[in-house]
Structures are given as structure tokens and as C-alpha cells.
Amino acid sequence: ADELEQLLTQLHYQKIDGIYQHPSRKIIFVGD
């Protein structure tokens, strides 16, 4: 989870109301 949060921050996702989000992009997770 720590690496995931670092990566999301690097990709310019912000935690708003406890949920990471981006104004114009969306994550796709490949599982596992």
C-alpha cells in the first residue's frame, strides 16, 4: 500500500474525502 500511495501521488492523484482521484484521468488495476 505504501508504494501504491507513492505511485498515485507521482501520477498526480489526490486524496479527497479519503479517496484517490484525478480530475481527468482514471486508474485501471490489473489485479493481484
Full PDB file with SEQRES, HELIX, SHEET, SSBOND, CRYST1, ORIGX, SCALE, CONECT and MASTER records, all heavy atoms in Angstrom:
SEQRES   1 A   32  ALA ASP GLU LEU GLU GLN LEU LEU THR GLN LEU HIS TYR          
SEQRES   2 A   32  GLN LYS ILE ASP GLY ILE TYR GLN HIS PRO SER ARG LYS          
SEQRES   3 A   32  ILE ILE PHE VAL GLY ASP                                      
HELIX    1 AA1 ASP A    2  GLN A   10  1                                   9    
SHEET    1 AA1 2 GLN A  14  ILE A  16  0                                        
SHEET    2 AA1 2 ILE A  19  GLN A  21 -1                                        
CRYST1    1.000    1.000    1.000  90.00  90.00  90.00 P 1           1          
ORIGX1      1.000000  0.000000  0.000000        0.00000                         
ORIGX2      0.000000  1.000000  0.000000        0.00000                         
ORIGX3      0.000000  0.000000  1.000000        0.00000                         
SCALE1      1.000000  0.000000  0.000000        0.00000                         
SCALE2      0.000000  1.000000  0.000000        0.00000                         
SCALE3      0.000000  0.000000  1.000000        0.00000                         
ATOM      1  N   ALA A   1       0.818  -1.217   0.000  1.00  0.00           N  
ATOM      2  CA  ALA A   1       0.000   0.000   0.000  1.00  0.00           C  
ATOM      3  C   ALA A   1       0.847   1.261   0.000  1.00  0.00           C  
ATOM      4  O   ALA A   1       0.460   2.265  -0.611  1.00  0.00           O  
ATOM      5  CB  ALA A   1      -0.939  -0.008   1.210  1.00  0.00           C  
ATOM      6  N   ASP A   2       1.983   1.246   0.681  1.00  0.00           N  
ATOM      7  CA  ASP A   2       2.819   2.452   0.729  1.00  0.00           C  
ATOM      8  C   ASP A   2       3.312   2.814  -0.670  1.00  0.00           C  
ATOM      9  O   ASP A   2       3.252   3.982  -1.085  1.00  0.00           O  
ATOM     10  CB  ASP A   2       4.015   2.242   1.656  1.00  0.00           C  
ATOM     11  CG  ASP A   2       3.606   2.129   3.111  1.00  0.00           C  
ATOM     12  OD1 ASP A   2       2.453   2.485   3.441  1.00  0.00           O  
ATOM     13  OD2 ASP A   2       4.442   1.680   3.924  1.00  0.00           O  
ATOM     14  N   GLU A   3       3.796   1.814  -1.408  1.00  0.00           N  
ATOM     15  CA  GLU A   3       4.261   2.059  -2.773  1.00  0.00           C  
ATOM     16  C   GLU A   3       3.104   2.517  -3.668  1.00  0.00           C  
ATOM     17  O   GLU A   3       3.273   3.379  -4.535  1.00  0.00           O  
ATOM     18  CB  GLU A   3       4.911   0.805  -3.353  1.00  0.00           C  
ATOM     19  CG  GLU A   3       6.255   0.444  -2.727  1.00  0.00           C  
ATOM     20  CD  GLU A   3       6.129  -0.418  -1.478  1.00  0.00           C  
ATOM     21  OE1 GLU A   3       5.021  -0.452  -0.878  1.00  0.00           O  
ATOM     22  OE2 GLU A   3       7.126  -1.061  -1.100  1.00  0.00           O  
ATOM     23  N   LEU A   4       1.916   1.943  -3.439  1.00  0.00           N  
ATOM     24  CA  LEU A   4       0.746   2.344  -4.230  1.00  0.00           C  
ATOM     25  C   LEU A   4       0.429   3.818  -4.001  1.00  0.00           C  
ATOM     26  O   LEU A   4       0.180   4.570  -4.959  1.00  0.00           O  
ATOM     27  CB  LEU A   4      -0.454   1.477  -3.872  1.00  0.00           C  
ATOM     28  CG  LEU A   4      -1.781   1.865  -4.543  1.00  0.00           C  
ATOM     29  CD1 LEU A   4      -1.667   1.859  -6.060  1.00  0.00           C  
ATOM     30  CD2 LEU A   4      -2.907   0.940  -4.086  1.00  0.00           C  
ATOM     31  N   GLU A   5       0.443   4.256  -2.750  1.00  0.00           N  
ATOM     32  CA  GLU A   5       0.154   5.662  -2.468  1.00  0.00           C  
ATOM     33  C   GLU A   5       1.215   6.578  -3.067  1.00  0.00           C  
ATOM     34  O   GLU A   5       0.895   7.645  -3.607  1.00  0.00           O  
ATOM     35  CB  GLU A   5       0.032   5.876  -0.963  1.00  0.00           C  
ATOM     36  CG  GLU A   5      -1.209   5.214  -0.373  1.00  0.00           C  
ATOM     37  CD  GLU A   5      -1.561   5.749   0.997  1.00  0.00           C  
ATOM     38  OE1 GLU A   5      -0.970   5.286   1.977  1.00  0.00           O  
ATOM     39  OE2 GLU A   5      -2.427   6.650   1.077  1.00  0.00           O  
ATOM     40  N   GLN A   6       2.465   6.158  -2.990  1.00  0.00           N  
ATOM     41  CA  GLN A   6       3.537   6.954  -3.598  1.00  0.00           C  
ATOM     42  C   GLN A   6       3.350   7.062  -5.103  1.00  0.00           C  
ATOM     43  O   GLN A   6       3.538   8.135  -5.696  1.00  0.00           O  
ATOM     44  CB  GLN A   6       4.894   6.321  -3.289  1.00  0.00           C  
ATOM     45  CG  GLN A   6       5.317   6.384  -1.832  1.00  0.00           C  
ATOM     46  CD  GLN A   6       6.604   5.606  -1.600  1.00  0.00           C  
ATOM     47  OE1 GLN A   6       7.590   5.758  -2.307  1.00  0.00           O  
ATOM     48  NE2 GLN A   6       6.588   4.748  -0.600  1.00  0.00           N  
ATOM     49  N   LEU A   7       2.967   5.947  -5.735  1.00  0.00           N  
ATOM     50  CA  LEU A   7       2.787   5.947  -7.184  1.00  0.00           C  
ATOM     51  C   LEU A   7       1.591   6.807  -7.588  1.00  0.00           C  
ATOM     52  O   LEU A   7       1.659   7.572  -8.566  1.00  0.00           O  
ATOM     53  CB  LEU A   7       2.618   4.513  -7.689  1.00  0.00           C  
ATOM     54  CG  LEU A   7       2.555   4.316  -9.208  1.00  0.00           C  
ATOM     55  CD1 LEU A   7       3.774   4.901  -9.902  1.00  0.00           C  
ATOM     56  CD2 LEU A   7       2.415   2.831  -9.544  1.00  0.00           C  
ATOM     57  N   LEU A   8       0.498   6.704  -6.851  1.00  0.00           N  
ATOM     58  CA  LEU A   8      -0.675   7.528  -7.146  1.00  0.00           C  
ATOM     59  C   LEU A   8      -0.341   9.023  -7.012  1.00  0.00           C  
ATOM     60  O   LEU A   8      -0.760   9.841  -7.841  1.00  0.00           O  
ATOM     61  CB  LEU A   8      -1.826   7.162  -6.209  1.00  0.00           C  
ATOM     62  CG  LEU A   8      -2.502   5.815  -6.486  1.00  0.00           C  
ATOM     63  CD1 LEU A   8      -3.427   5.437  -5.334  1.00  0.00           C  
ATOM     64  CD2 LEU A   8      -3.274   5.843  -7.804  1.00  0.00           C  
ATOM     65  N   THR A   9       0.437   9.353  -6.002  1.00  0.00           N  
ATOM     66  CA  THR A   9       0.856  10.747  -5.831  1.00  0.00           C  
ATOM     67  C   THR A   9       1.745  11.192  -6.989  1.00  0.00           C  
ATOM     68  O   THR A   9       1.598  12.296  -7.517  1.00  0.00           O  
ATOM     69  CB  THR A   9       1.599  10.910  -4.492  1.00  0.00           C  
ATOM     70  OG1 THR A   9       0.725  10.549  -3.419  1.00  0.00           O  
ATOM     71  CG2 THR A   9       2.066  12.347  -4.299  1.00  0.00           C  
ATOM     72  N   GLN A  10       2.658  10.308  -7.396  1.00  0.00           N  
ATOM     73  CA  GLN A  10       3.536  10.619  -8.529  1.00  0.00           C  
ATOM     74  C   GLN A  10       2.732  10.851  -9.805  1.00  0.00           C  
ATOM     75  O   GLN A  10       3.111  11.661 -10.659  1.00  0.00           O  
ATOM     76  CB  GLN A  10       4.534   9.475  -8.724  1.00  0.00           C  
ATOM     77  CG  GLN A  10       5.555   9.698  -9.829  1.00  0.00           C  
ATOM     78  CD  GLN A  10       6.589   8.587  -9.863  1.00  0.00           C  
ATOM     79  OE1 GLN A  10       7.138   8.190  -8.837  1.00  0.00           O  
ATOM     80  NE2 GLN A  10       6.856   8.047 -11.046  1.00  0.00           N  
ATOM     81  N   LEU A  11       1.607  10.144  -9.930  1.00  0.00           N  
ATOM     82  CA  LEU A  11       0.737  10.280 -11.109  1.00  0.00           C  
ATOM     83  C   LEU A  11      -0.268  11.425 -10.958  1.00  0.00           C  
ATOM     84  O   LEU A  11      -1.164  11.570 -11.780  1.00  0.00           O  
ATOM     85  CB  LEU A  11      -0.008   8.963 -11.352  1.00  0.00           C  
ATOM     86  CG  LEU A  11       0.858   7.767 -11.765  1.00  0.00           C  
ATOM     87  CD1 LEU A  11       0.054   6.466 -11.695  1.00  0.00           C  
ATOM     88  CD2 LEU A  11       1.421   7.963 -13.170  1.00  0.00           C  
ATOM     89  N   HIS A  12      -0.124  12.206  -9.867  1.00  0.00           N  
ATOM     90  CA  HIS A  12      -0.932  13.413  -9.632  1.00  0.00           C  
ATOM     91  C   HIS A  12      -2.374  13.103  -9.246  1.00  0.00           C  
ATOM     92  O   HIS A  12      -3.284  13.894  -9.534  1.00  0.00           O  
ATOM     93  CB  HIS A  12      -0.883  14.345 -10.848  1.00  0.00           C  
ATOM     94  CG  HIS A  12       0.511  14.696 -11.284  1.00  0.00           C  
ATOM     95  ND1 HIS A  12       1.386  15.415 -10.494  1.00  0.00           N  
ATOM     96  CD2 HIS A  12       1.195  14.392 -12.424  1.00  0.00           C  
ATOM     97  CE1 HIS A  12       2.541  15.559 -11.119  1.00  0.00           C  
ATOM     98  NE2 HIS A  12       2.462  14.934 -12.290  1.00  0.00           N  
ATOM     99  N   TYR A  13      -2.585  11.972  -8.583  1.00  0.00           N  
ATOM    100  CA  TYR A  13      -3.879  11.697  -7.961  1.00  0.00           C  
ATOM    101  C   TYR A  13      -3.867  12.282  -6.561  1.00  0.00           C  
ATOM    102  O   TYR A  13      -2.860  12.185  -5.850  1.00  0.00           O  
ATOM    103  CB  TYR A  13      -4.165  10.195  -7.919  1.00  0.00           C  
ATOM    104  CG  TYR A  13      -4.507   9.633  -9.287  1.00  0.00           C  
ATOM    105  CD1 TYR A  13      -3.525   9.457 -10.254  1.00  0.00           C  
ATOM    106  CD2 TYR A  13      -5.820   9.303  -9.623  1.00  0.00           C  
ATOM    107  CE1 TYR A  13      -3.824   8.971 -11.517  1.00  0.00           C  
ATOM    108  CE2 TYR A  13      -6.138   8.813 -10.885  1.00  0.00           C  
ATOM    109  CZ  TYR A  13      -5.125   8.655 -11.822  1.00  0.00           C  
ATOM    110  OH  TYR A  13      -5.433   8.176 -13.075  1.00  0.00           O  
ATOM    111  N   GLN A  14      -4.977  12.873  -6.166  1.00  0.00           N  
ATOM    112  CA  GLN A  14      -5.087  13.479  -4.846  1.00  0.00           C  
ATOM    113  C   GLN A  14      -6.134  12.739  -4.028  1.00  0.00           C  
ATOM    114  O   GLN A  14      -7.142  12.272  -4.557  1.00  0.00           O  
ATOM    115  CB  GLN A  14      -5.472  14.957  -4.961  1.00  0.00           C  
ATOM    116  CG  GLN A  14      -4.392  15.833  -5.586  1.00  0.00           C  
ATOM    117  CD  GLN A  14      -4.803  17.294  -5.587  1.00  0.00           C  
ATOM    118  OE1 GLN A  14      -5.904  17.650  -6.027  1.00  0.00           O  
ATOM    119  NE2 GLN A  14      -3.929  18.164  -5.088  1.00  0.00           N  
ATOM    120  N   LYS A  15      -5.882  12.691  -2.729  1.00  0.00           N  
ATOM    121  CA  LYS A  15      -6.821  12.040  -1.816  1.00  0.00           C  
ATOM    122  C   LYS A  15      -7.845  13.073  -1.362  1.00  0.00           C  
ATOM    123  O   LYS A  15      -7.514  14.011  -0.629  1.00  0.00           O  
ATOM    124  CB  LYS A  15      -6.072  11.439  -0.627  1.00  0.00           C  
ATOM    125  CG  LYS A  15      -6.826  10.349   0.094  1.00  0.00           C  
ATOM    126  CD  LYS A  15      -5.916   9.670   1.113  1.00  0.00           C  
ATOM    127  CE  LYS A  15      -6.559   8.422   1.678  1.00  0.00           C  
ATOM    128  NZ  LYS A  15      -5.655   7.761   2.662  1.00  0.00           N  
ATOM    129  N   ILE A  16      -9.061  12.914  -1.830  1.00  0.00           N  
ATOM    130  CA  ILE A  16     -10.150  13.828  -1.500  1.00  0.00           C  
ATOM    131  C   ILE A  16     -11.257  13.026  -0.849  1.00  0.00           C  
ATOM    132  O   ILE A  16     -11.733  12.035  -1.413  1.00  0.00           O  
ATOM    133  CB  ILE A  16     -10.668  14.551  -2.757  1.00  0.00           C  
ATOM    134  CG1 ILE A  16      -9.526  15.329  -3.436  1.00  0.00           C  
ATOM    135  CG2 ILE A  16     -11.833  15.468  -2.410  1.00  0.00           C  
ATOM    136  CD1 ILE A  16      -9.899  15.920  -4.773  1.00  0.00           C  
ATOM    137  N   ASP A  17     -11.655  13.429   0.360  1.00  0.00           N  
ATOM    138  CA  ASP A  17     -12.664  12.685   1.133  1.00  0.00           C  
ATOM    139  C   ASP A  17     -12.265  11.219   1.277  1.00  0.00           C  
ATOM    140  O   ASP A  17     -13.107  10.307   1.216  1.00  0.00           O  
ATOM    141  CB  ASP A  17     -14.045  12.785   0.477  1.00  0.00           C  
ATOM    142  CG  ASP A  17     -14.570  14.221   0.452  1.00  0.00           C  
ATOM    143  OD1 ASP A  17     -14.233  14.978   1.388  1.00  0.00           O  
ATOM    144  OD2 ASP A  17     -15.289  14.574  -0.500  1.00  0.00           O  
ATOM    145  N   GLY A  18     -10.943  10.990   1.428  1.00  0.00           N  
ATOM    146  CA  GLY A  18     -10.439   9.645   1.680  1.00  0.00           C  
ATOM    147  C   GLY A  18     -10.274   8.777   0.444  1.00  0.00           C  
ATOM    148  O   GLY A  18      -9.935   7.599   0.576  1.00  0.00           O  
ATOM    149  N   ILE A  19     -10.488   9.326  -0.771  1.00  0.00           N  
ATOM    150  CA  ILE A  19     -10.428   8.529  -1.996  1.00  0.00           C  
ATOM    151  C   ILE A  19      -9.486   9.201  -2.995  1.00  0.00           C  
ATOM    152  O   ILE A  19      -9.627  10.390  -3.304  1.00  0.00           O  
ATOM    153  CB  ILE A  19     -11.829   8.388  -2.626  1.00  0.00           C  
ATOM    154  CG1 ILE A  19     -12.806   7.767  -1.624  1.00  0.00           C  
ATOM    155  CG2 ILE A  19     -11.762   7.539  -3.900  1.00  0.00           C  
ATOM    156  CD1 ILE A  19     -14.249   7.840  -2.058  1.00  0.00           C  
ATOM    157  N   TYR A  20      -8.545   8.438  -3.519  1.00  0.00           N  
ATOM    158  CA  TYR A  20      -7.636   8.974  -4.530  1.00  0.00           C  
ATOM    159  C   TYR A  20      -8.384   9.193  -5.846  1.00  0.00           C  
ATOM    160  O   TYR A  20      -9.135   8.318  -6.296  1.00  0.00           O  
ATOM    161  CB  TYR A  20      -6.461   8.016  -4.750  1.00  0.00           C  
ATOM    162  CG  TYR A  20      -5.391   8.134  -3.683  1.00  0.00           C  
ATOM    163  CD1 TYR A  20      -5.365   7.254  -2.604  1.00  0.00           C  
ATOM    164  CD2 TYR A  20      -4.429   9.133  -3.754  1.00  0.00           C  
ATOM    165  CE1 TYR A  20      -4.392   7.369  -1.621  1.00  0.00           C  
ATOM    166  CE2 TYR A  20      -3.448   9.254  -2.772  1.00  0.00           C  
ATOM    167  CZ  TYR A  20      -3.438   8.372  -1.711  1.00  0.00           C  
ATOM    168  OH  TYR A  20      -2.470   8.489  -0.734  1.00  0.00           O  
ATOM    169  N   GLN A  21      -8.146  10.360  -6.436  1.00  0.00           N  
ATOM    170  CA  GLN A  21      -8.848  10.694  -7.678  1.00  0.00           C  
ATOM    171  C   GLN A  21      -8.069  11.731  -8.473  1.00  0.00           C  
ATOM    172  O   GLN A  21      -7.177  12.403  -7.957  1.00  0.00           O  
ATOM    173  CB  GLN A  21     -10.251  11.196  -7.377  1.00  0.00           C  
ATOM    174  CG  GLN A  21     -10.313  12.299  -6.332  1.00  0.00           C  
ATOM    175  CD  GLN A  21     -11.717  12.473  -5.776  1.00  0.00           C  
ATOM    176  OE1 GLN A  21     -12.564  13.138  -6.388  1.00  0.00           O  
ATOM    177  NE2 GLN A  21     -11.977  11.868  -4.630  1.00  0.00           N  
ATOM    178  N   HIS A  22      -8.419  11.834  -9.741  1.00  0.00           N  
ATOM    179  CA  HIS A  22      -7.774  12.759 -10.666  1.00  0.00           C  
ATOM    180  C   HIS A  22      -8.879  13.469 -11.447  1.00  0.00           C  
ATOM    181  O   HIS A  22      -9.890  12.836 -11.783  1.00  0.00           O  
ATOM    182  CB  HIS A  22      -6.851  11.974 -11.612  1.00  0.00           C  
ATOM    183  CG  HIS A  22      -5.933  12.819 -12.426  1.00  0.00           C  
ATOM    184  ND1 HIS A  22      -6.347  13.566 -13.509  1.00  0.00           N  
ATOM    185  CD2 HIS A  22      -4.586  13.022 -12.312  1.00  0.00           C  
ATOM    186  CE1 HIS A  22      -5.309  14.200 -14.027  1.00  0.00           C  
ATOM    187  NE2 HIS A  22      -4.236  13.900 -13.328  1.00  0.00           N  
ATOM    188  N   PRO A  23      -8.722  14.751 -11.757  1.00  0.00           N  
ATOM    189  CA  PRO A  23      -9.807  15.456 -12.442  1.00  0.00           C  
ATOM    190  C   PRO A  23     -10.085  14.967 -13.859  1.00  0.00           C  
ATOM    191  O   PRO A  23     -11.195  15.153 -14.378  1.00  0.00           O  
ATOM    192  CB  PRO A  23      -9.332  16.918 -12.454  1.00  0.00           C  
ATOM    193  CG  PRO A  23      -7.856  16.856 -12.255  1.00  0.00           C  
ATOM    194  CD  PRO A  23      -7.619  15.657 -11.398  1.00  0.00           C  
ATOM    195  N   SER A  24      -9.096  14.336 -14.516  1.00  0.00           N  
ATOM    196  CA  SER A  24      -9.309  13.971 -15.924  1.00  0.00           C  
ATOM    197  C   SER A  24      -8.830  12.576 -16.296  1.00  0.00           C  
ATOM    198  O   SER A  24      -8.949  12.174 -17.453  1.00  0.00           O  
ATOM    199  CB  SER A  24      -8.606  14.998 -16.830  1.00  0.00           C  
ATOM    200  OG  SER A  24      -7.210  15.025 -16.573  1.00  0.00           O  
ATOM    201  N   ARG A  25      -8.307  11.829 -15.332  1.00  0.00           N  
ATOM    202  CA  ARG A  25      -7.782  10.501 -15.638  1.00  0.00           C  
ATOM    203  C   ARG A  25      -8.388   9.460 -14.694  1.00  0.00           C  
ATOM    204  O   ARG A  25      -8.984   9.796 -13.671  1.00  0.00           O  
ATOM    205  CB  ARG A  25      -6.248  10.480 -15.525  1.00  0.00           C  
ATOM    206  CG  ARG A  25      -5.572  11.466 -16.469  1.00  0.00           C  
ATOM    207  CD  ARG A  25      -4.060  11.373 -16.405  1.00  0.00           C  
ATOM    208  NE  ARG A  25      -3.569  10.124 -16.992  1.00  0.00           N  
ATOM    209  CZ  ARG A  25      -3.370   9.944 -18.287  1.00  0.00           C  
ATOM    210  NH1 ARG A  25      -3.623  10.921 -19.146  1.00  0.00           N  
ATOM    211  NH2 ARG A  25      -2.895   8.801 -18.741  1.00  0.00           N  
ATOM    212  N   LYS A  26      -8.217   8.191 -15.070  1.00  0.00           N  
ATOM    213  CA  LYS A  26      -8.756   7.091 -14.267  1.00  0.00           C  
ATOM    214  C   LYS A  26      -7.710   5.978 -14.216  1.00  0.00           C  
ATOM    215  O   LYS A  26      -6.988   5.737 -15.181  1.00  0.00           O  
ATOM    216  CB  LYS A  26     -10.053   6.577 -14.909  1.00  0.00           C  
ATOM    217  CG  LYS A  26     -10.753   5.472 -14.142  1.00  0.00           C  
ATOM    218  CD  LYS A  26     -12.037   5.032 -14.850  1.00  0.00           C  
ATOM    219  CE  LYS A  26     -13.117   6.071 -14.736  1.00  0.00           C  
ATOM    220  NZ  LYS A  26     -14.435   5.548 -15.200  1.00  0.00           N  
ATOM    221  N   ILE A  27      -7.629   5.314 -13.078  1.00  0.00           N  
ATOM    222  CA  ILE A  27      -6.725   4.177 -12.910  1.00  0.00           C  
ATOM    223  C   ILE A  27      -7.395   2.910 -13.443  1.00  0.00           C  
ATOM    224  O   ILE A  27      -8.609   2.723 -13.293  1.00  0.00           O  
ATOM    225  CB  ILE A  27      -6.358   3.968 -11.425  1.00  0.00           C  
ATOM    226  CG1 ILE A  27      -5.555   5.155 -10.888  1.00  0.00           C  
ATOM    227  CG2 ILE A  27      -5.597   2.660 -11.222  1.00  0.00           C  
ATOM    228  CD1 ILE A  27      -4.156   5.288 -11.440  1.00  0.00           C  
ATOM    229  N   ILE A  28      -6.595   2.037 -14.065  1.00  0.00           N  
ATOM    230  CA  ILE A  28      -7.033   0.660 -14.316  1.00  0.00           C  
ATOM    231  C   ILE A  28      -6.044  -0.261 -13.617  1.00  0.00           C  
ATOM    232  O   ILE A  28      -4.838  -0.233 -13.902  1.00  0.00           O  
ATOM    233  CB  ILE A  28      -7.095   0.315 -15.818  1.00  0.00           C  
ATOM    234  CG1 ILE A  28      -8.009   1.288 -16.571  1.00  0.00           C  
ATOM    235  CG2 ILE A  28      -7.612  -1.119 -15.996  1.00  0.00           C  
ATOM    236  CD1 ILE A  28      -8.157   0.995 -18.060  1.00  0.00           C  
ATOM    237  N   PHE A  29      -6.535  -1.059 -12.679  1.00  0.00           N  
ATOM    238  CA  PHE A  29      -5.721  -2.030 -11.956  1.00  0.00           C  
ATOM    239  C   PHE A  29      -5.819  -3.384 -12.644  1.00  0.00           C  
ATOM    240  O   PHE A  29      -6.915  -3.814 -13.021  1.00  0.00           O  
ATOM    241  CB  PHE A  29      -6.210  -2.178 -10.510  1.00  0.00           C  
ATOM    242  CG  PHE A  29      -6.052  -0.949  -9.663  1.00  0.00           C  
ATOM    243  CD1 PHE A  29      -7.157  -0.167  -9.331  1.00  0.00           C  
ATOM    244  CD2 PHE A  29      -4.809  -0.575  -9.174  1.00  0.00           C  
ATOM    245  CE1 PHE A  29      -7.028   0.957  -8.533  1.00  0.00           C  
ATOM    246  CE2 PHE A  29      -4.662   0.556  -8.376  1.00  0.00           C  
ATOM    247  CZ  PHE A  29      -5.769   1.318  -8.051  1.00  0.00           C  
ATOM    248  N   VAL A  30      -4.677  -4.080 -12.775  1.00  0.00           N  
ATOM    249  CA  VAL A  30      -4.670  -5.362 -13.486  1.00  0.00           C  
ATOM    250  C   VAL A  30      -4.835  -6.562 -12.547  1.00  0.00           C  
ATOM    251  O   VAL A  30      -4.670  -7.700 -12.970  1.00  0.00           O  
ATOM    252  CB  VAL A  30      -3.395  -5.537 -14.340  1.00  0.00           C  
ATOM    253  CG1 VAL A  30      -3.259  -4.414 -15.347  1.00  0.00           C  
ATOM    254  CG2 VAL A  30      -2.144  -5.652 -13.466  1.00  0.00           C  
ATOM    255  N   GLY A  31      -5.172  -6.326 -11.273  1.00  0.00           N  
ATOM    256  CA  GLY A  31      -5.425  -7.433 -10.354  1.00  0.00           C  
ATOM    257  C   GLY A  31      -4.226  -7.776  -9.483  1.00  0.00           C  
ATOM    258  O   GLY A  31      -3.157  -7.171  -9.569  1.00  0.00           O  
ATOM    259  N   ASP A  32      -4.419  -8.790  -8.623  1.00  0.00           N  
ATOM    260  CA  ASP A  32      -3.436  -9.222  -7.623  1.00  0.00           C  
ATOM    261  C   ASP A  32      -3.160  -8.113  -6.611  1.00  0.00           C  
ATOM    262  O   ASP A  32      -2.050  -7.568  -6.510  1.00  0.00           O  
ATOM    263  CB  ASP A  32      -2.145  -9.720  -8.268  1.00  0.00           C  
ATOM    264  CG  ASP A  32      -2.242 -11.171  -8.715  1.00  0.00           C  
ATOM    265  OD1 ASP A  32      -3.372 -11.728  -8.676  1.00  0.00           O  
ATOM    266  OD2 ASP A  32      -1.212 -11.754  -9.084  1.00  0.00           O  
TER     267      ASP A  32                                                      
MASTER        0    0    0    1    2    0    0    6  266    1    0    3          
END                                                                             
